[in-house]
Protein backbone atom coordinates (compact mmCIF):
# COMPACT_ATOMS: atom_id res chain seq x y z
CA MET A 1 -9.66 -3.16 -12.15
CA SER A 2 -10.49 0.49 -11.69
CA ASP A 3 -7.82 2.86 -11.69
CA MET A 4 -7.38 5.02 -7.95
CA PHE A 5 -6.65 8.45 -8.50
CA LEU A 6 -4.67 10.30 -5.51
CA GLU A 7 -3.61 13.67 -4.80
CA ILE A 8 -1.32 15.35 -2.39
CA ILE A 9 -2.68 17.57 0.24
CA GLU A 10 -1.96 19.70 3.15
CA LEU A 11 -4.28 19.55 6.20
CA ASP A 12 -5.74 22.62 7.95
CA ASP A 13 -3.16 21.49 10.72
CA GLY A 14 0.08 21.42 8.84
CA GLN A 15 0.32 17.58 8.21
CA ILE A 16 0.89 16.62 4.83
CA ALA A 17 -2.04 13.52 3.54
CA LEU A 18 -2.59 11.20 1.10
CA ARG A 19 -5.93 10.94 0.15
CA ARG A 20 -8.09 9.73 -2.82
CA ALA A 21 -8.57 12.37 -5.48
CA ASP A 22 -12.26 11.66 -5.93
CA SER A 23 -13.39 11.63 -1.95
CA ASP A 24 -13.53 13.65 0.94
CA ASP A 25 -12.46 10.63 2.85
CA GLU A 26 -9.72 10.06 5.31
CA PRO A 27 -6.43 10.71 4.80
CA ILE A 28 -4.67 7.48 3.25
CA MET A 29 -1.61 8.27 5.05
CA ARG A 30 -0.31 11.47 6.91
CA ILE A 31 3.00 13.09 7.91
CA SER A 32 4.10 15.57 10.22
CA PHE A 33 6.98 17.61 10.68
CA SER A 34 8.18 18.86 13.91
CA GLU A 35 7.96 23.47 13.78
CA SER A 36 11.93 22.86 13.83
CA VAL A 37 12.28 20.39 10.70
CA ARG A 38 9.72 22.55 9.16
CA GLU A 39 12.05 25.89 9.69
CA GLN A 40 14.50 23.80 8.53
CA LEU A 41 13.34 22.76 5.22
CA GLU A 42 11.14 25.82 4.25
CA GLU A 43 9.55 25.26 1.04
CA GLU A 44 10.96 21.65 1.15
CA CYS A 45 9.12 20.26 3.25
CA ILE A 46 6.22 19.34 0.58
CA ASP A 47 8.99 17.36 -1.82
CA VAL A 48 10.48 15.82 1.25
CA ALA A 49 6.55 14.57 2.38
CA LYS A 50 5.96 13.80 -1.34
CA VAL A 51 9.16 11.62 -1.54
CA MET A 52 8.31 9.78 1.98
CA LEU A 53 4.39 9.52 0.74
CA THR A 54 5.83 7.84 -2.96
CA ALA A 55 8.14 5.00 -0.51
CA GLY A 56 4.86 4.51 0.83
CA ILE A 57 2.90 4.19 -2.12
CA HIS A 58 5.71 1.81 -3.83
CA MET A 59 6.10 -0.37 -0.48
CA ILE A 60 2.68 -0.62 -0.39
CA SER A 61 1.70 -2.14 -4.27
CA ASP A 62 5.25 -4.53 -2.75
CA LEU A 63 3.72 -6.12 -0.19
CA ASN A 64 0.38 -6.61 -2.06
CA ILE A 65 1.68 -7.96 -4.77
CA LYS A 66 4.22 -10.87 -2.78
CA ALA A 67 0.31 -11.40 -0.88
CA SER A 68 -1.19 -11.76 -3.91
CA GLU A 69 2.42 -14.02 -5.48
CA ALA A 70 2.01 -15.96 -2.27
CA ALA A 71 -1.71 -16.77 -2.63
CA ASP A 72 -1.22 -17.98 -6.07
CA ARG A 73 1.52 -20.46 -4.28
CA ILE A 74 -1.09 -21.52 -2.15
CA GLY A 75 -3.92 -22.35 -4.44
CA GLU A 76 -1.20 -24.23 -7.18
CA LEU A 77 -0.37 -26.52 -3.83
CA ASP A 78 -4.15 -27.03 -3.29
CA THR A 79 -4.57 -27.62 -5.83
CA GLU A 80 -1.84 -30.48 -6.01
CA LEU A 81 -4.08 -31.89 -3.33
CA ASP A 82 -6.79 -31.91 -5.21
CA ASP A 83 -5.39 -34.28 -7.80
CA SER A 84 -3.80 -36.49 -5.26
CA ASP A 85 -7.31 -36.84 -3.80
CA SER A 86 -8.86 -38.07 -7.16
CA ARG A 87 -6.68 -41.45 -7.04
CA PRO A 88 -7.77 -44.53 -6.24
CA ARG A 89 -7.44 -45.01 -2.12
CA VAL A 90 -5.15 -47.42 -1.07
CA ILE A 91 -6.27 -50.17 1.83
CA HIS A 92 -3.80 -52.50 3.00
């Protein structure tokens, strides 16, 4: 599996976005602050967005790990069921 490099950008409309570094495609995530919050945060707005985007990336990663573990457990159950099918069938 190849590494995916991400970049944080500021869009023309002021939104902060996360996208693949090797692509100009639609951003993966966007964060939008109201004008009043932008005025209150001033230069810290970008730092707040970075923390929010980082938390989102970690959450997605955790969800992917959980989904992979669940798929592994399902695969193990399927294997157990397949093994039981190889036993002779008992007919009474």
